[in-house]
């Protein structure tokens, strides 16, 4: 183990290596894109009908604006989905996200108070679940969305086990 380096965090060379990042499954991207198309498509249809009936067919062309938002949102959702990733390390869990403003959260296993798996009706329809991590400090609470339910349960069980083992010494 190297010592004396100002960047040394007290970990071994194996632990200080780059973490193995895991991205989110594509089901989350499909779900979000479908919701985008459905909601903005319905808005475009309603806006086109309303403007066509009230102001005339020329004004109904403004209904194309939500369709342009679909194209823009499609690209942004893809970039956002690619930015989400997590890594399990020896003493903590890393969660990284964000396109313009990158945010990396470090959740120490010993500080975890509650790890839960949630899945709303839309998520269940797409076969997805989210893992929510609660700590004593609300600022470090985190969520990993859009996981396969089996992976979410595995992660919950592993994090709970590691959290109990790390907090036993406190």
Foldseek 3Di string as FASTA:
>chain_A
DDDDDPPDPPDDPVQPPDFDKDAFDCLVLVLVLVVLCVVLVVVLVVLLVVCCVPPNNVSSVVSCVSVVVSVVVNVVSVQQRRQWIWGDGDFWIWTWTDDPDIDIATGGLQFWDAWDKAADPSCVVSQWIKIWTDGPDNVRTDMDTGHRVVVSVVVRVVSPVSNCVNNVVD
